[in-house]
């Protein structure tokens, strides 16, 4: 039984980004209570971005701009950005203040509020509801304007800890051909054999 009222402890957000991503975020539950509607999905796929050294990261090389300001906050808040004039992307800020590290949530397995997700996505196909960063934001009602910088220990967007461990697979990240050698870093992590993975 999943207790969605539980929230990932603050100290986990301040740890090494790779450790937090693999040991605490993968398999945990991204929850939202937006417009009075509760939804949740298990995190099945994510990507790590490192501000200081990673050319795929918006904040590289630790570059503070109006767009990236949220990434420089202490871990435990959301970095939400907008791409292609259409899609919101949800990231978890990780590490001490000033490090500009973030974990992009790429895919979820829907577990609660399925009717709400289907209505928001105009989609009845479970495998297509939350298998992509833009899709999951739409399904959970997450948007840059309302949620960029939001505290993930609050009551609107939060992460409930996982209830079991999962085998993890590491692969290169997606859609970052501009990042030179960093495009091949195996910093995309997914739950082995889980069918709710983004199409790439």
Protein backbone atom coordinates (compact mmCIF):
# COMPACT_ATOMS: atom_id res chain seq x y z
CA UNK A 1 0.00 0.00 0.00
CA UNK A 2 1.43 3.37 -1.02
CA UNK A 3 1.11 6.21 1.45
CA UNK A 4 1.17 9.25 -0.80
CA UNK A 5 1.16 11.58 2.21
CA UNK A 6 4.78 10.63 2.88
CA UNK A 7 7.37 12.94 1.34
CA UNK A 8 10.97 12.31 0.40
CA UNK A 9 13.18 13.59 3.22
CA UNK A 10 14.94 16.91 2.69
CA UNK A 11 18.45 15.49 3.09
CA UNK A 12 18.11 13.27 0.02
CA UNK A 13 17.74 16.34 -2.21
CA UNK A 14 21.08 17.71 -0.99
CA UNK A 15 23.16 14.64 -1.85
CA UNK A 16 25.15 13.75 -4.96
CA UNK A 17 22.88 14.00 -8.00
CA UNK A 18 23.66 10.52 -9.29
CA UNK A 19 23.06 8.89 -5.92
CA UNK A 20 19.80 10.77 -5.42
CA UNK A 21 18.60 9.91 -8.91
CA UNK A 22 19.31 6.20 -8.74
CA UNK A 23 18.72 5.40 -5.07
CA UNK A 24 15.94 7.79 -4.12
CA UNK A 25 14.09 9.21 -7.15
CA UNK A 26 13.89 6.20 -9.49
CA UNK A 27 10.94 4.11 -8.31
CA UNK A 28 9.55 6.86 -6.10
CA UNK A 29 6.23 8.60 -6.78
CA UNK A 30 5.79 12.04 -8.32
CA UNK A 31 2.55 13.43 -6.89
CA UNK A 32 0.47 16.50 -7.69
CA UNK A 33 -2.57 18.13 -6.19
CA UNK A 34 -3.37 20.74 -8.82
CA UNK A 35 -6.78 22.43 -9.01
CA UNK A 36 -7.96 20.07 -6.28
CA UNK A 37 -7.20 16.97 -8.37
CA UNK A 38 -4.75 14.38 -7.08
CA UNK A 39 -2.53 12.42 -9.48
CA UNK A 40 0.57 10.30 -9.01
CA UNK A 41 2.95 8.17 -11.02
CA UNK A 42 5.98 6.02 -10.24
CA UNK A 43 9.19 7.46 -11.70
CA UNK A 44 10.46 4.91 -14.22
CA UNK A 45 12.99 6.97 -16.17
CA UNK A 46 15.10 10.06 -15.49
CA UNK A 47 18.22 11.93 -16.60
CA UNK A 48 20.94 13.68 -14.60
CA UNK A 49 22.32 17.12 -15.58
CA UNK A 50 25.36 18.68 -13.89
CA UNK A 51 25.73 22.46 -14.02
CA UNK A 52 29.51 22.79 -13.67
CA UNK A 53 30.80 20.29 -16.23
CA UNK A 54 27.93 19.00 -18.38
CA UNK A 55 27.51 20.73 -21.74
CA UNK A 56 23.98 19.33 -22.00
CA UNK A 57 22.92 21.25 -18.90
CA UNK A 58 21.12 24.59 -19.24
CA UNK A 59 23.36 26.04 -16.53
CA UNK A 60 26.71 24.96 -18.03
CA UNK A 61 29.28 26.12 -17.03
CA UNK A 62 27.59 27.22 -13.80
CA UNK A 63 26.01 30.10 -15.74
CA UNK A 64 23.37 31.95 -13.76
CA UNK A 65 20.68 33.46 -16.00
CA UNK A 66 17.01 34.32 -15.48
CA UNK A 67 16.17 30.96 -17.06
CA UNK A 68 18.54 28.89 -14.90
CA UNK A 69 18.17 30.76 -11.60
CA UNK A 70 15.98 28.04 -10.10
CA UNK A 71 18.71 25.45 -10.69
CA UNK A 72 21.06 27.33 -8.35
CA UNK A 73 18.72 27.00 -5.39
CA UNK A 74 19.27 24.34 -2.74
CA UNK A 75 18.00 20.88 -3.68
CA UNK A 76 14.36 20.14 -3.05
CA UNK A 77 12.60 22.45 -5.49
CA UNK A 78 11.29 21.99 -9.02
CA UNK A 79 12.96 23.38 -12.12
CA UNK A 80 10.25 23.54 -14.78
CA UNK A 81 11.04 24.83 -18.25
CA UNK A 82 9.13 25.19 -21.51
CA UNK A 83 10.34 23.83 -24.87
CA UNK A 84 9.23 24.09 -28.50
CA UNK A 85 6.53 26.55 -27.42
CA UNK A 86 4.44 23.55 -26.37
CA UNK A 87 5.85 21.31 -23.65
CA UNK A 88 6.66 21.70 -19.97
CA UNK A 89 9.56 19.67 -18.57
CA UNK A 90 9.82 18.82 -14.87
CA UNK A 91 13.17 18.56 -13.10
CA UNK A 92 14.17 17.98 -9.49
CA UNK A 93 16.90 20.37 -8.29
CA UNK A 94 19.53 18.36 -6.41
CA UNK A 95 22.58 19.25 -4.35
CA UNK A 96 23.67 22.21 -2.20
CA UNK A 97 22.77 25.77 -3.15
CA UNK A 98 24.85 27.00 -6.07
CA UNK A 99 25.60 23.64 -7.70
CA UNK A 100 22.94 23.89 -10.46
CA UNK A 101 22.37 20.14 -10.72
CA UNK A 102 19.00 18.77 -11.81
CA UNK A 103 17.28 15.49 -12.59
CA UNK A 104 14.82 15.51 -15.49
CA UNK A 105 11.88 13.16 -14.96
CA UNK A 106 11.33 11.48 -18.34
CA UNK A 107 8.61 8.94 -17.67
CA UNK A 108 6.10 7.71 -15.10
CA UNK A 109 3.96 4.65 -14.54
CA UNK A 110 0.47 6.04 -13.72
CA UNK A 111 -0.80 4.85 -10.35
CA UNK A 112 -3.41 7.35 -9.06
CA UNK A 113 -5.83 9.83 -10.57
CA UNK A 114 -5.95 7.98 -13.88
CA UNK A 115 -9.25 9.52 -15.00
CA UNK A 116 -7.82 12.99 -14.38
CA UNK A 117 -4.71 12.15 -16.38
CA UNK A 118 -6.77 10.81 -19.27
CA UNK A 119 -8.92 13.94 -19.30
CA UNK A 120 -5.91 16.28 -19.25
CA UNK A 121 -4.13 14.31 -21.95
CA UNK A 122 -7.22 13.58 -24.07
CA UNK A 123 -5.90 10.04 -24.19
CA UNK A 124 -7.19 6.66 -22.99
CA UNK A 125 -4.03 4.67 -23.77
CA UNK A 126 -2.31 3.97 -20.44
CA UNK A 127 1.06 3.42 -22.14
CA UNK A 128 0.86 6.89 -23.67
CA UNK A 129 -0.32 8.93 -20.69
CA UNK A 130 2.98 9.71 -18.99
CA UNK A 131 5.74 8.15 -21.12
CA UNK A 132 7.59 11.34 -21.96
CA UNK A 133 8.57 14.51 -20.06
CA UNK A 134 5.96 16.70 -21.78
CA UNK A 135 3.23 14.08 -21.43
CA UNK A 136 3.74 13.57 -17.71
CA UNK A 137 3.63 17.30 -17.03
CA UNK A 138 0.34 17.58 -18.89
CA UNK A 139 -1.09 14.55 -17.09
CA UNK A 140 -0.12 15.85 -13.64
CA UNK A 141 -1.03 19.48 -14.36
CA UNK A 142 2.56 20.73 -13.99
CA UNK A 143 3.46 23.99 -15.75
CA UNK A 144 6.40 26.39 -15.69
CA UNK A 145 4.35 29.48 -14.86
CA UNK A 146 2.78 27.92 -11.77
CA UNK A 147 5.43 25.49 -10.59
CA UNK A 148 8.97 26.56 -11.49
CA UNK A 149 10.81 26.89 -8.17
CA UNK A 150 8.06 25.27 -6.11
CA UNK A 151 9.13 23.54 -2.89
CA UNK A 152 8.81 19.78 -3.35
CA UNK A 153 8.09 19.35 0.34
CA UNK A 154 4.83 21.27 0.01
CA UNK A 155 1.31 20.10 -0.76
CA UNK A 156 0.98 20.85 -4.48
CA UNK A 157 3.88 18.97 -6.08
CA UNK A 158 5.88 16.44 -4.06
CA UNK A 159 7.69 13.11 -4.23
CA UNK A 160 6.70 10.13 -2.08
CA UNK A 161 9.51 7.64 -1.36
CA UNK A 162 9.63 4.33 -3.16
CA UNK A 163 8.43 1.23 -1.37
CA UNK A 164 10.89 -1.22 -2.95
CA UNK A 165 14.17 -1.32 -4.82
CA UNK A 166 14.42 -1.83 -8.58
CA UNK A 167 17.11 -2.94 -11.00
CA UNK A 168 18.46 0.12 -12.78
CA UNK A 169 19.77 0.40 -16.35
CA UNK A 170 22.06 3.25 -17.46
CA UNK A 171 21.91 4.62 -21.02
CA UNK A 172 22.89 7.84 -22.86
CA UNK A 173 20.50 10.76 -22.53
CA UNK A 174 18.09 11.81 -25.25
CA UNK A 175 18.02 14.77 -27.65
CA UNK A 176 21.30 16.41 -26.68
CA UNK A 177 23.41 16.09 -29.85
CA UNK A 178 24.64 19.67 -29.26
CA UNK A 179 26.51 18.59 -26.10
CA UNK A 180 29.68 17.28 -27.73
CA UNK A 181 31.25 14.36 -25.89
CA UNK A 182 28.77 14.80 -23.05
CA UNK A 183 25.96 13.51 -25.26
CA UNK A 184 27.33 10.00 -24.76
CA UNK A 185 27.41 10.10 -20.96
CA UNK A 186 25.27 7.20 -19.64
CA UNK A 187 23.30 9.47 -17.34
CA UNK A 188 19.81 8.30 -18.26
CA UNK A 189 18.51 5.78 -15.74
CA UNK A 190 15.45 3.58 -16.10
CA UNK A 191 13.81 0.70 -14.30
CA UNK A 192 14.71 -2.58 -15.97
CA UNK A 193 11.81 -4.26 -17.84
CA UNK A 194 9.28 -1.56 -16.91
CA UNK A 195 6.96 -0.96 -19.90
CA UNK A 196 6.33 2.71 -19.03
CA UNK A 197 9.43 4.15 -20.68
CA UNK A 198 9.56 7.06 -23.13
CA UNK A 199 9.91 6.37 -26.85
CA UNK A 200 13.26 7.60 -28.14
